[in-house]
Amino acid sequence: MRHKITIIGAGNVGATLAQRLAERDYADIVLVDIVEGLPQGKALDLLEAGPVVGYDSLITGSNGYAESAGSDVVVVTSGIARKPGMSRDDLVMTNAGIVAGVVRQASAASPDAVIVVVSNPLDVMAQVALAVSGFPRERVVGMAGVLDTARFRAFLALELGASVRDVQAYVLGGHGDTMVPLTHLSTVAGVPVADLIPAERLEQIVQRTRDGGAEIVSLLKTGSAYYAPSAAVAQMVDAILLDTRQVLPCSVHLRGEYGISGVFSGVPARLGAGGLLEVIEVALSEPDQRALGRSADAVREVVELIERSRTQIQADLPPLLAPPPA
């Protein structure tokens, strides 16, 4: 029996992800969006590429969730980008309402699915998805660290003229200004990057990683990144559906790991059948541990903002900081 994946949001990230997953040819795909005709048109276009590329994946577009029933994985890309004049708090509240609405419908249609959250602000939206779905923490994970780590590896490879395959690195923490690139654990062909790149230049590369999404937005003028984000999600979906048990930096709900409890943060996580299998705790330097704690505090602050303003969302949100079911 083939796997089934639902992708909510048929924008650039969602549609590019659908293409990547269709070409893997191990699952049928449902592309869901509220815009009439958009998911249907993109799904049909992807379906018609099958005979050329050589995949048999069935791709369906829908404006509802009936077709998504029984999905093994649900990927949430829904939400809006920040608009001129919109405050950060307004963006958070708007996207919290959107994510709550789609997760409620998708989780009802696919009660055994693993949810992968891509919507921003990532760690906070994963918190919303966990609370609304009522799923255990193992079945709600956020995509951020895979993308941030890919950017960091790419920039290190560019700096050294090395193959990205030889660059090993991890970026932990929140998706944004509070991310924590672990420079002391980053290597190129086994050699620490600190031995290859002067400290000042390495810090510039770290900052470019933190600004990775904004750099692309500034170049595109309209829109944001989608090739790398979709590739990062596909890697996570591979790990879950193919049960590779690969360790990837993902946003997960922490229960004391790294001294953090009750909120999502990016940490090394083993993914496989059923979602999160294990949080891997690596030894951090004191500065990195403090930075990871500050990152988690920033997530908690935004979650508490939503808690205080829950009535504005009109999405019948449950308490976001309540422990998920075991």
C-alpha atoms as a PDB file:
ATOM      1  CA  MET A   1       0.000   0.000   0.000  1.00  0.00           C
ATOM      2  CA  ARG A   2       1.390   3.398  -1.016  1.00  0.00           C
ATOM      3  CA  HIS A   3       2.008   6.146   1.478  1.00  0.00           C
ATOM      4  CA  LYS A   4      -0.128   9.273   1.389  1.00  0.00           C
ATOM      5  CA  ILE A   5       1.117  12.798   2.023  1.00  0.00           C
ATOM      6  CA  THR A   6      -1.021  15.916   2.377  1.00  0.00           C
ATOM      7  CA  ILE A   7       0.587  19.300   1.748  1.00  0.00           C
ATOM      8  CA  ILE A   8      -1.456  22.240   3.026  1.00  0.00           C
ATOM      9  CA  GLY A   9      -0.690  25.364   1.066  1.00  0.00           C
ATOM     10  CA  ALA A  10      -0.140  25.333  -2.718  1.00  0.00           C
ATOM     11  CA  GLY A  11       2.209  28.310  -2.821  1.00  0.00           C
ATOM     12  CA  ASN A  12       5.838  28.087  -3.886  1.00  0.00           C
ATOM     13  CA  VAL A  13       7.007  25.987  -0.947  1.00  0.00           C
ATOM     14  CA  GLY A  14       4.054  23.612  -1.036  1.00  0.00           C
ATOM     15  CA  ALA A  15       4.012  23.135  -4.802  1.00  0.00           C
ATOM     16  CA  THR A  16       7.792  22.663  -5.042  1.00  0.00           C
ATOM     17  CA  LEU A  17       7.621  20.153  -2.201  1.00  0.00           C
ATOM     18  CA  ALA A  18       4.856  18.290  -4.044  1.00  0.00           C
ATOM     19  CA  GLN A  19       7.133  18.061  -7.085  1.00  0.00           C
ATOM     20  CA  ARG A  20      10.083  16.790  -5.036  1.00  0.00           C
ATOM     21  CA  LEU A  21       7.978  14.143  -3.308  1.00  0.00           C
ATOM     22  CA  ALA A  22       6.189  13.066  -6.482  1.00  0.00           C
ATOM     23  CA  GLU A  23       9.550  12.456  -8.131  1.00  0.00           C
ATOM     24  CA  ARG A  24      10.532  10.187  -5.233  1.00  0.00           C
ATOM     25  CA  ASP A  25       7.595   7.985  -6.311  1.00  0.00           C
ATOM     26  CA  TYR A  26       6.876   6.396  -2.941  1.00  0.00           C
ATOM     27  CA  ALA A  27       3.653   8.222  -2.043  1.00  0.00           C
ATOM     28  CA  ASP A  28       0.471   9.730  -3.395  1.00  0.00           C
ATOM     29  CA  ILE A  29       0.076  13.436  -2.697  1.00  0.00           C
ATOM     30  CA  VAL A  30      -2.863  15.686  -1.866  1.00  0.00           C
ATOM     31  CA  LEU A  31      -2.283  19.406  -2.345  1.00  0.00           C
ATOM     32  CA  VAL A  32      -4.748  21.534  -0.345  1.00  0.00           C
ATOM     33  CA  ASP A  33      -5.357  25.273  -0.612  1.00  0.00           C
ATOM     34  CA  ILE A  34      -8.287  27.617  -0.017  1.00  0.00           C
ATOM     35  CA  VAL A  35      -7.837  29.304  -3.411  1.00  0.00           C
ATOM     36  CA  GLU A  36     -10.240  27.652  -5.822  1.00  0.00           C
ATOM     37  CA  GLY A  37      -8.482  26.079  -8.787  1.00  0.00           C
ATOM     38  CA  LEU A  38      -4.930  26.684  -7.520  1.00  0.00           C
ATOM     39  CA  PRO A  39      -4.212  23.270  -5.981  1.00  0.00           C
ATOM     40  CA  GLN A  40      -6.199  21.509  -8.695  1.00  0.00           C
ATOM     41  CA  GLY A  41      -4.218  23.205 -11.466  1.00  0.00           C
ATOM     42  CA  LYS A  42      -0.819  22.601  -9.917  1.00  0.00           C
ATOM     43  CA  ALA A  43      -1.696  19.001  -9.075  1.00  0.00           C
ATOM     44  CA  LEU A  44      -2.823  18.333 -12.653  1.00  0.00           C
ATOM     45  CA  ASP A  45       0.353  19.883 -14.042  1.00  0.00           C
ATOM     46  CA  LEU A  46       2.459  17.675 -11.764  1.00  0.00           C
ATOM     47  CA  LEU A  47       0.428  14.591 -12.667  1.00  0.00           C
ATOM     48  CA  GLU A  48       1.022  15.225 -16.367  1.00  0.00           C
ATOM     49  CA  ALA A  49       4.790  15.378 -15.744  1.00  0.00           C
ATOM     50  CA  GLY A  50       4.755  11.779 -14.482  1.00  0.00           C
ATOM     51  CA  PRO A  51       5.011  10.068 -17.874  1.00  0.00           C
ATOM     52  CA  VAL A  52       8.023  12.233 -18.788  1.00  0.00           C
ATOM     53  CA  VAL A  53       9.908  12.032 -15.498  1.00  0.00           C
ATOM     54  CA  GLY A  54       8.855   8.463 -14.816  1.00  0.00           C
ATOM     55  CA  TYR A  55       6.817   8.505 -11.621  1.00  0.00           C
ATOM     56  CA  ASP A  56       3.412   7.009 -10.855  1.00  0.00           C
ATOM     57  CA  SER A  57       2.537   9.188  -7.872  1.00  0.00           C
ATOM     58  CA  LEU A  58      -1.101  10.235  -7.891  1.00  0.00           C
ATOM     59  CA  ILE A  59      -1.314  13.984  -7.230  1.00  0.00           C
ATOM     60  CA  THR A  60      -4.698  15.439  -6.271  1.00  0.00           C
ATOM     61  CA  GLY A  61      -5.644  19.077  -5.687  1.00  0.00           C
ATOM     62  CA  SER A  62      -8.400  20.044  -3.285  1.00  0.00           C
ATOM     63  CA  ASN A  63      -9.984  22.963  -1.468  1.00  0.00           C
ATOM     64  CA  GLY A  64     -11.084  20.676   1.376  1.00  0.00           C
ATOM     65  CA  TYR A  65      -9.831  17.821   3.510  1.00  0.00           C
ATOM     66  CA  ALA A  66     -11.933  14.835   2.419  1.00  0.00           C
ATOM     67  CA  GLU A  67      -9.297  13.796  -0.108  1.00  0.00           C
ATOM     68  CA  SER A  68      -6.580  14.051   2.559  1.00  0.00           C
ATOM     69  CA  ALA A  69      -8.161  11.440   4.840  1.00  0.00           C
ATOM     70  CA  GLY A  70      -5.806   8.745   6.024  1.00  0.00           C
ATOM     71  CA  SER A  71      -2.588  10.628   5.287  1.00  0.00           C
ATOM     72  CA  ASP A  72       0.629   9.323   6.828  1.00  0.00           C
ATOM     73  CA  VAL A  73       2.239  12.764   6.851  1.00  0.00           C
ATOM     74  CA  VAL A  74       0.644  16.226   6.804  1.00  0.00           C
ATOM     75  CA  VAL A  75       2.894  19.164   5.919  1.00  0.00           C
ATOM     76  CA  VAL A  76       1.614  22.607   6.944  1.00  0.00           C
ATOM     77  CA  THR A  77       2.940  25.513   4.870  1.00  0.00           C
ATOM     78  CA  SER A  78      -0.102  27.798   5.317  1.00  0.00           C
ATOM     79  CA  GLY A  79       0.214  31.374   6.480  1.00  0.00           C
ATOM     80  CA  ILE A  80       0.897  34.864   5.237  1.00  0.00           C
ATOM     81  CA  ALA A  81       4.082  36.848   4.913  1.00  0.00           C
ATOM     82  CA  ARG A  82       4.464  40.057   6.853  1.00  0.00           C
ATOM     83  CA  LYS A  83       2.963  42.986   4.942  1.00  0.00           C
ATOM     84  CA  PRO A  84       3.832  46.703   5.065  1.00  0.00           C
ATOM     85  CA  GLY A  85       2.380  48.265   8.207  1.00  0.00           C
ATOM     86  CA  MET A  86       1.799  44.893   9.865  1.00  0.00           C
ATOM     87  CA  SER A  87       3.405  44.438  13.261  1.00  0.00           C
ATOM     88  CA  ARG A  88       5.204  41.258  14.258  1.00  0.00           C
ATOM     89  CA  ASP A  89       2.454  40.572  16.781  1.00  0.00           C
ATOM     90  CA  ASP A  90      -0.220  40.971  14.093  1.00  0.00           C
ATOM     91  CA  LEU A  91       1.597  38.445  11.908  1.00  0.00           C
ATOM     92  CA  VAL A  92       1.836  35.955  14.762  1.00  0.00           C
ATOM     93  CA  MET A  93      -1.843  36.242  15.611  1.00  0.00           C
ATOM     94  CA  THR A  94      -2.953  35.955  11.991  1.00  0.00           C
ATOM     95  CA  ASN A  95      -0.843  32.899  11.259  1.00  0.00           C
ATOM     96  CA  ALA A  96      -1.801  31.269  14.562  1.00  0.00           C
ATOM     97  CA  GLY A  97      -5.428  31.451  13.478  1.00  0.00           C
ATOM     98  CA  ILE A  98      -4.647  30.056  10.030  1.00  0.00           C
ATOM     99  CA  VAL A  99      -2.501  27.202  11.326  1.00  0.00           C
ATOM    100  CA  ALA A 100      -5.015  26.321  14.048  1.00  0.00           C
ATOM    101  CA  GLY A 101      -7.792  26.113  11.471  1.00  0.00           C
ATOM    102  CA  VAL A 102      -5.982  23.903   8.969  1.00  0.00           C
ATOM    103  CA  VAL A 103      -4.449  21.622  11.612  1.00  0.00           C
ATOM    104  CA  ARG A 104      -7.833  21.074  13.234  1.00  0.00           C
ATOM    105  CA  GLN A 105      -9.305  19.883   9.939  1.00  0.00           C
ATOM    106  CA  ALA A 106      -6.276  17.905   8.790  1.00  0.00           C
ATOM    107  CA  SER A 107      -5.791  16.090  12.102  1.00  0.00           C
ATOM    108  CA  ALA A 108      -9.468  15.120  12.187  1.00  0.00           C
ATOM    109  CA  ALA A 109      -9.179  13.636   8.701  1.00  0.00           C
ATOM    110  CA  SER A 110      -5.846  11.916   9.429  1.00  0.00           C
ATOM    111  CA  PRO A 111      -5.726  11.132  13.155  1.00  0.00           C
ATOM    112  CA  ASP A 112      -2.639   8.921  12.842  1.00  0.00           C
ATOM    113  CA  ALA A 113      -0.537  11.305  10.763  1.00  0.00           C
ATOM    114  CA  VAL A 114       2.772  12.929  11.581  1.00  0.00           C
ATOM    115  CA  ILE A 115       2.502  16.709  11.212  1.00  0.00           C
ATOM    116  CA  VAL A 116       5.481  18.626   9.834  1.00  0.00           C
ATOM    117  CA  VAL A 117       5.120  22.374  10.397  1.00  0.00           C
ATOM    118  CA  VAL A 118       6.761  24.836   7.995  1.00  0.00           C
ATOM    119  CA  SER A 119       4.653  27.968   8.645  1.00  0.00           C
ATOM    120  CA  ASN A 120       6.325  30.934  10.350  1.00  0.00           C
ATOM    121  CA  PRO A 121       7.133  31.852  13.038  1.00  0.00           C
ATOM    122  CA  LEU A 122       8.071  28.193  12.920  1.00  0.00           C
ATOM    123  CA  ASP A 123       8.584  27.145  16.530  1.00  0.00           C
ATOM    124  CA  VAL A 124       5.480  29.006  17.690  1.00  0.00           C
ATOM    125  CA  MET A 125       3.305  27.580  14.906  1.00  0.00           C
ATOM    126  CA  ALA A 126       4.503  24.091  15.848  1.00  0.00           C
ATOM    127  CA  GLN A 127       3.325  24.829  19.391  1.00  0.00           C
ATOM    128  CA  VAL A 128      -0.091  25.787  17.996  1.00  0.00           C
ATOM    129  CA  ALA A 129      -0.249  22.630  15.861  1.00  0.00           C
ATOM    130  CA  LEU A 130       0.613  20.424  18.836  1.00  0.00           C
ATOM    131  CA  ALA A 131      -2.081  21.957  21.025  1.00  0.00           C
ATOM    132  CA  VAL A 132      -4.803  21.952  18.378  1.00  0.00           C
ATOM    133  CA  SER A 133      -4.155  18.445  17.062  1.00  0.00           C
ATOM    134  CA  GLY A 134      -3.956  16.839  20.486  1.00  0.00           C
ATOM    135  CA  PHE A 135      -1.253  14.577  19.078  1.00  0.00           C
ATOM    136  CA  PRO A 136       1.649  13.328  21.211  1.00  0.00           C
ATOM    137  CA  ARG A 137       4.855  15.305  20.754  1.00  0.00           C
ATOM    138  CA  GLU A 138       6.370  12.522  18.641  1.00  0.00           C
ATOM    139  CA  ARG A 139       3.912  13.292  15.846  1.00  0.00           C
ATOM    140  CA  VAL A 140       4.389  17.058  15.569  1.00  0.00           C
ATOM    141  CA  VAL A 141       7.773  18.342  14.381  1.00  0.00           C
ATOM    142  CA  GLY A 142       8.910  21.598  12.827  1.00  0.00           C
ATOM    143  CA  MET A 143      11.175  22.154   9.840  1.00  0.00           C
ATOM    144  CA  ALA A 144      13.800  24.792  10.515  1.00  0.00           C
ATOM    145  CA  GLY A 145      17.115  23.333  11.582  1.00  0.00           C
ATOM    146  CA  VAL A 146      17.501  21.254   8.413  1.00  0.00           C
ATOM    147  CA  LEU A 147      17.141  24.416   6.332  1.00  0.00           C
ATOM    148  CA  ASP A 148      19.326  26.593   8.557  1.00  0.00           C
ATOM    149  CA  THR A 149      21.988  23.883   8.689  1.00  0.00           C
ATOM    150  CA  ALA A 150      21.926  23.535   4.894  1.00  0.00           C
ATOM    151  CA  ARG A 151      22.502  27.270   4.550  1.00  0.00           C
ATOM    152  CA  PHE A 152      25.356  27.185   7.044  1.00  0.00           C
ATOM    153  CA  ARG A 153      26.979  24.219   5.266  1.00  0.00           C
ATOM    154  CA  ALA A 154      26.587  25.931   1.895  1.00  0.00           C
ATOM    155  CA  PHE A 155      28.228  29.128   3.133  1.00  0.00           C
ATOM    156  CA  LEU A 156      31.102  27.226   4.757  1.00  0.00           C
ATOM    157  CA  ALA A 157      31.666  25.260   1.548  1.00  0.00           C
ATOM    158  CA  LEU A 158      31.663  28.469  -0.492  1.00  0.00           C
ATOM    159  CA  GLU A 159      34.174  30.080   1.852  1.00  0.00           C
ATOM    160  CA  LEU A 160      36.602  27.173   1.664  1.00  0.00           C
ATOM    161  CA  GLY A 161      35.993  26.000  -1.896  1.00  0.00           C
ATOM    162  CA  ALA A 162      35.011  22.641  -0.439  1.00  0.00           C
ATOM    163  CA  SER A 163      32.336  20.125  -1.358  1.00  0.00           C
ATOM    164  CA  VAL A 164      29.177  20.525   0.702  1.00  0.00           C
ATOM    165  CA  ARG A 165      29.338  16.767   1.210  1.00  0.00           C
ATOM    166  CA  ASP A 166      32.492  17.231   3.281  1.00  0.00           C
ATOM    167  CA  VAL A 167      30.964  19.913   5.505  1.00  0.00           C
ATOM    168  CA  GLN A 168      29.306  18.701   8.683  1.00  0.00           C
ATOM    169  CA  ALA A 169      27.462  21.183  10.882  1.00  0.00           C
ATOM    170  CA  TYR A 170      24.444  21.735  13.099  1.00  0.00           C
ATOM    171  CA  VAL A 171      22.265  24.762  13.646  1.00  0.00           C
ATOM    172  CA  LEU A 172      20.045  24.533  16.737  1.00  0.00           C
ATOM    173  CA  GLY A 173      17.547  26.837  18.430  1.00  0.00           C
ATOM    174  CA  GLY A 174      14.797  28.933  16.909  1.00  0.00           C
ATOM    175  CA  HIS A 175      14.320  29.680  13.239  1.00  0.00           C
ATOM    176  CA  GLY A 176      15.453  33.278  13.003  1.00  0.00           C
ATOM    177  CA  ASP A 177      17.690  35.691  14.872  1.00  0.00           C
ATOM    178  CA  THR A 178      18.025  33.353  17.848  1.00  0.00           C
ATOM    179  CA  MET A 179      19.328  30.331  15.935  1.00  0.00           C
ATOM    180  CA  VAL A 180      22.495  28.754  17.329  1.00  0.00           C
ATOM    181  CA  PRO A 181      25.049  27.537  14.744  1.00  0.00           C
ATOM    182  CA  LEU A 182      27.393  25.158  16.566  1.00  0.00           C
ATOM    183  CA  THR A 183      30.722  26.321  15.204  1.00  0.00           C
ATOM    184  CA  HIS A 184      32.709  24.168  17.642  1.00  0.00           C
ATOM    185  CA  LEU A 185      31.078  21.020  16.205  1.00  0.00           C
ATOM    186  CA  SER A 186      31.373  22.090  12.555  1.00  0.00           C
ATOM    187  CA  THR A 187      34.000  20.336  10.445  1.00  0.00           C
ATOM    188  CA  VAL A 188      35.221  20.062   6.861  1.00  0.00           C
ATOM    189  CA  ALA A 189      36.508  16.571   6.066  1.00  0.00           C
ATOM    190  CA  GLY A 190      36.922  16.128   9.820  1.00  0.00           C
ATOM    191  CA  VAL A 191      38.890  19.333  10.364  1.00  0.00           C
ATOM    192  CA  PRO A 192      37.239  21.885  12.707  1.00  0.00           C
ATOM    193  CA  VAL A 193      36.152  24.978  10.791  1.00  0.00           C
ATOM    194  CA  ALA A 194      37.697  27.122  13.532  1.00  0.00           C
ATOM    195  CA  ASP A 195      41.076  25.813  12.361  1.00  0.00           C
ATOM    196  CA  LEU A 196      40.321  26.798   8.775  1.00  0.00           C
ATOM    197  CA  ILE A 197      38.485  30.122   9.042  1.00  0.00           C
ATOM    198  CA  PRO A 198      39.521  33.133  11.168  1.00  0.00           C
ATOM    199  CA  ALA A 199      37.135  33.816  14.052  1.00  0.00           C
ATOM    200  CA  GLU A 200      35.960  37.168  12.722  1.00  0.00           C
ATOM    201  CA  ARG A 201      35.176  35.732   9.287  1.00  0.00           C
ATOM    202  CA  LEU A 202      33.462  32.714  10.834  1.00  0.00           C
ATOM    203  CA  GLU A 203      31.200  35.023  12.808  1.00  0.00           C
ATOM    204  CA  GLN A 204      30.268  36.796   9.570  1.00  0.00           C
ATOM    205  CA  ILE A 205      29.267  33.435   8.069  1.00  0.00           C
ATOM    206  CA  VAL A 206      27.207  32.672  11.174  1.00  0.00           C
ATOM    207  CA  GLN A 207      25.417  36.004  10.801  1.00  0.00           C
ATOM    208  CA  ARG A 208      24.781  35.371   7.110  1.00  0.00           C
ATOM    209  CA  THR A 209      23.188  32.071   8.112  1.00  0.00           C
ATOM    210  CA  ARG A 210      20.914  33.860  10.577  1.00  0.00           C
ATOM    211  CA  ASP A 211      19.961  36.313   7.812  1.00  0.00           C
ATOM    212  CA  GLY A 212      19.655  33.595   5.169  1.00  0.00           C
ATOM    213  CA  GLY A 213      15.947  33.955   4.536  1.00  0.00           C
ATOM    214  CA  ALA A 214      16.023  37.750   4.638  1.00  0.00           C
ATOM    215  CA  GLU A 215      18.893  37.835   2.134  1.00  0.00           C
ATOM    216  CA  ILE A 216      16.824  35.891  -0.382  1.00  0.00           C
ATOM    217  CA  VAL A 217      13.757  38.056   0.228  1.00  0.00           C
ATOM    218  CA  SER A 218      15.819  41.197  -0.394  1.00  0.00           C
ATOM    219  CA  LEU A 219      17.083  39.792  -3.686  1.00  0.00           C
ATOM    220  CA  LEU A 220      13.732  38.530  -4.941  1.00  0.00           C
ATOM    221  CA  LYS A 221      11.925  41.739  -3.927  1.00  0.00           C
ATOM    222  CA  THR A 222       8.656  39.780  -3.880  1.00  0.00           C
ATOM    223  CA  GLY A 223       8.315  36.346  -2.318  1.00  0.00           C
ATOM    224  CA  SER A 224      10.733  34.269  -0.293  1.00  0.00           C
ATOM    225  CA  ALA A 225      12.829  31.104  -0.479  1.00  0.00           C
ATOM    226  CA  TYR A 226      11.235  27.839  -1.541  1.00  0.00           C
ATOM    227  CA  TYR A 227      13.797  25.584  -3.253  1.00  0.00           C
ATOM    228  CA  ALA A 228      15.880  25.001  -0.118  1.00  0.00           C
ATOM    229  CA  PRO A 229      12.890  24.941   2.290  1.00  0.00           C
ATOM    230  CA  SER A 230      11.093  22.336   0.188  1.00  0.00           C
ATOM    231  CA  ALA A 231      14.259  20.226  -0.026  1.00  0.00           C
ATOM    232  CA  ALA A 232      14.595  20.372   3.759  1.00  0.00           C
ATOM    233  CA  VAL A 233      11.005  19.219   4.281  1.00  0.00           C
ATOM    234  CA  ALA A 234      11.466  16.402   1.778  1.00  0.00           C
ATOM    235  CA  GLN A 235      14.470  15.135   3.715  1.00  0.00           C
ATOM    236  CA  MET A 236      12.369  15.005   6.883  1.00  0.00           C
ATOM    237  CA  VAL A 237       9.513  13.238   5.093  1.00  0.00           C
ATOM    238  CA  ASP A 238      11.978  10.696   3.712  1.00  0.00           C
ATOM    239  CA  ALA A 239      13.232   9.959   7.225  1.00  0.00           C
ATOM    240  CA  ILE A 240       9.697   9.471   8.540  1.00  0.00           C
ATOM    241  CA  LEU A 241       8.115   7.449   5.738  1.00  0.00           C
ATOM    242  CA  LEU A 242      11.190   5.384   4.855  1.00  0.00           C
ATOM    243  CA  ASP A 243      12.070   4.926   8.547  1.00  0.00           C
ATOM    244  CA  THR A 244      15.696   5.891   7.953  1.00  0.00           C
ATOM    245  CA  ARG A 245      16.159   6.872  11.609  1.00  0.00           C
ATOM    246  CA  GLN A 246      18.341   9.759  10.440  1.00  0.00           C
ATOM    247  CA  VAL A 247      19.392  12.404  12.956  1.00  0.00           C
ATOM    248  CA  LEU A 248      18.297  15.824  11.698  1.00  0.00           C
ATOM    249  CA  PRO A 249      18.096  19.213  13.411  1.00  0.00           C
ATOM    250  CA  CYS A 250      14.350  19.705  13.891  1.00  0.00           C
ATOM    251  CA  SER A 251      12.058  21.771  16.068  1.00  0.00           C
ATOM    252  CA  VAL A 252      10.557  19.480  18.692  1.00  0.00           C
ATOM    253  CA  HIS A 253       8.624  19.907  21.929  1.00  0.00           C
ATOM    254  CA  LEU A 254      11.206  19.567  24.680  1.00  0.00           C
ATOM    255  CA  ARG A 255      10.639  17.875  28.019  1.00  0.00           C
ATOM    256  CA  GLY A 256      13.792  18.759  29.901  1.00  0.00           C
ATOM    257  CA  GLU A 257      16.311  18.013  27.180  1.00  0.00           C
ATOM    258  CA  TYR A 258      18.998  20.704  27.076  1.00  0.00           C
ATOM    259  CA  GLY A 259      17.396  22.119  30.226  1.00  0.00           C
ATOM    260  CA  ILE A 260      14.321  23.300  28.300  1.00  0.00           C
ATOM    261  CA  SER A 261      10.723  22.248  28.917  1.00  0.00           C
ATOM    262  CA  GLY A 262       7.334  23.052  27.467  1.00  0.00           C
ATOM    263  CA  VAL A 263       8.248  24.763  24.184  1.00  0.00           C
ATOM    264  CA  PHE A 264       9.554  23.872  20.738  1.00  0.00           C
ATOM    265  CA  SER A 265      13.198  24.409  19.902  1.00  0.00           C
ATOM    266  CA  GLY A 266      15.580  23.135  17.269  1.00  0.00           C
ATOM    267  CA  VAL A 267      17.687  20.187  18.448  1.00  0.00           C
ATOM    268  CA  PRO A 268      19.216  17.080  16.867  1.00  0.00           C
ATOM    269  CA  ALA A 269      16.356  14.591  16.521  1.00  0.00           C
ATOM    270  CA  ARG A 270      16.201  11.040  15.227  1.00  0.00           C
ATOM    271  CA  LEU A 271      13.265  10.699  12.833  1.00  0.00           C
ATOM    272  CA  GLY A 272      11.633   7.492  11.666  1.00  0.00           C
ATOM    273  CA  ALA A 273       8.323   5.688  11.448  1.00  0.00           C
ATOM    274  CA  GLY A 274       5.862   7.581  13.634  1.00  0.00           C
ATOM    275  CA  GLY A 275       7.875  10.812  13.708  1.00  0.00           C
ATOM    276  CA  LEU A 276      10.255  11.728  16.521  1.00  0.00           C
ATOM    277  CA  LEU A 277      12.081   8.687  17.858  1.00  0.00           C
ATOM    278  CA  GLU A 278      14.682  10.338  20.070  1.00  0.00           C
ATOM    279  CA  VAL A 279      16.163  13.705  20.990  1.00  0.00           C
ATOM    280  CA  ILE A 280      19.936  13.507  20.755  1.00  0.00           C
ATOM    281  CA  GLU A 281      21.713  15.536  23.431  1.00  0.00           C
ATOM    282  CA  VAL A 282      25.157  16.701  22.370  1.00  0.00           C
ATOM    283  CA  ALA A 283      27.644  18.446  24.632  1.00  0.00           C
ATOM    284  CA  LEU A 284      27.323  22.214  24.202  1.00  0.00           C
ATOM    285  CA  SER A 285      29.708  24.923  25.206  1.00  0.00           C
ATOM    286  CA  GLU A 286      28.451  27.265  27.907  1.00  0.00           C
ATOM    287  CA  PRO A 287      27.857  30.116  25.432  1.00  0.00           C
ATOM    288  CA  ASP A 288      25.896  27.822  23.112  1.00  0.00           C
ATOM    289  CA  GLN A 289      23.839  26.450  26.010  1.00  0.00           C
ATOM    290  CA  ARG A 290      22.965  29.980  27.106  1.00  0.00           C
ATOM    291  CA  ALA A 291      22.110  30.957  23.532  1.00  0.00           C
ATOM    292  CA  LEU A 292      19.839  27.922  23.179  1.00  0.00           C
ATOM    293  CA  GLY A 293      18.111  28.871  26.428  1.00  0.00           C
ATOM    294  CA  ARG A 294      17.583  32.438  25.206  1.00  0.00           C
ATOM    295  CA  SER A 295      16.161  31.086  21.964  1.00  0.00           C
ATOM    296  CA  ALA A 296      13.643  28.940  23.864  1.00  0.00           C
ATOM    297  CA  ASP A 297      12.725  31.917  26.058  1.00  0.00           C
ATOM    298  CA  ALA A 298      11.969  33.943  22.936  1.00  0.00           C
ATOM    299  CA  VAL A 299       9.607  31.213  21.706  1.00  0.00           C
ATOM    300  CA  ARG A 300       7.905  31.036  25.100  1.00  0.00           C
ATOM    301  CA  GLU A 301       7.407  34.803  25.080  1.00  0.00           C
ATOM    302  CA  VAL A 302       5.526  34.688  21.760  1.00  0.00           C
ATOM    303  CA  VAL A 303       3.496  31.660  22.834  1.00  0.00           C
ATOM    304  CA  GLU A 304       2.462  33.543  25.974  1.00  0.00           C
ATOM    305  CA  LEU A 305       1.452  36.491  23.799  1.00  0.00           C
ATOM    306  CA  ILE A 306      -0.923  34.224  21.887  1.00  0.00           C
ATOM    307  CA  GLU A 307      -2.238  32.799  25.149  1.00  0.00           C
ATOM    308  CA  ARG A 308      -3.069  36.282  26.404  1.00  0.00           C
ATOM    309  CA  SER A 309      -4.705  37.296  23.131  1.00  0.00           C
ATOM    310  CA  ARG A 310      -6.437  34.038  22.308  1.00  0.00           C
ATOM    311  CA  THR A 311      -9.856  35.619  21.792  1.00  0.00           C
ATOM    312  CA  GLN A 312      -8.495  37.767  18.957  1.00  0.00           C
ATOM    313  CA  ILE A 313      -7.684  34.679  16.915  1.00  0.00           C
ATOM    314  CA  GLN A 314     -11.226  33.287  17.077  1.00  0.00           C
ATOM    315  CA  ALA A 315      -9.872  29.802  16.509  1.00  0.00           C
ATOM    316  CA  ASP A 316     -10.962  28.130  19.762  1.00  0.00           C
ATOM    317  CA  LEU A 317      -7.366  27.527  20.785  1.00  0.00           C
ATOM    318  CA  PRO A 318      -6.647  25.165  23.661  1.00  0.00           C
ATOM    319  CA  PRO A 319      -3.929  26.136  26.174  1.00  0.00           C
ATOM    320  CA  LEU A 320      -0.658  26.182  24.268  1.00  0.00           C
ATOM    321  CA  LEU A 321       1.654  25.472  27.187  1.00  0.00           C
ATOM    322  CA  ALA A 322      -0.219  22.443  28.501  1.00  0.00           C
ATOM    323  CA  PRO A 323       1.789  19.204  28.302  1.00  0.00           C
ATOM    324  CA  PRO A 324       0.853  17.094  25.242  1.00  0.00           C
ATOM    325  CA  PRO A 325      -0.523  13.589  25.746  1.00  0.00           C
ATOM    326  CA  ALA A 326       2.070  10.889  26.346  1.00  0.00           C
END
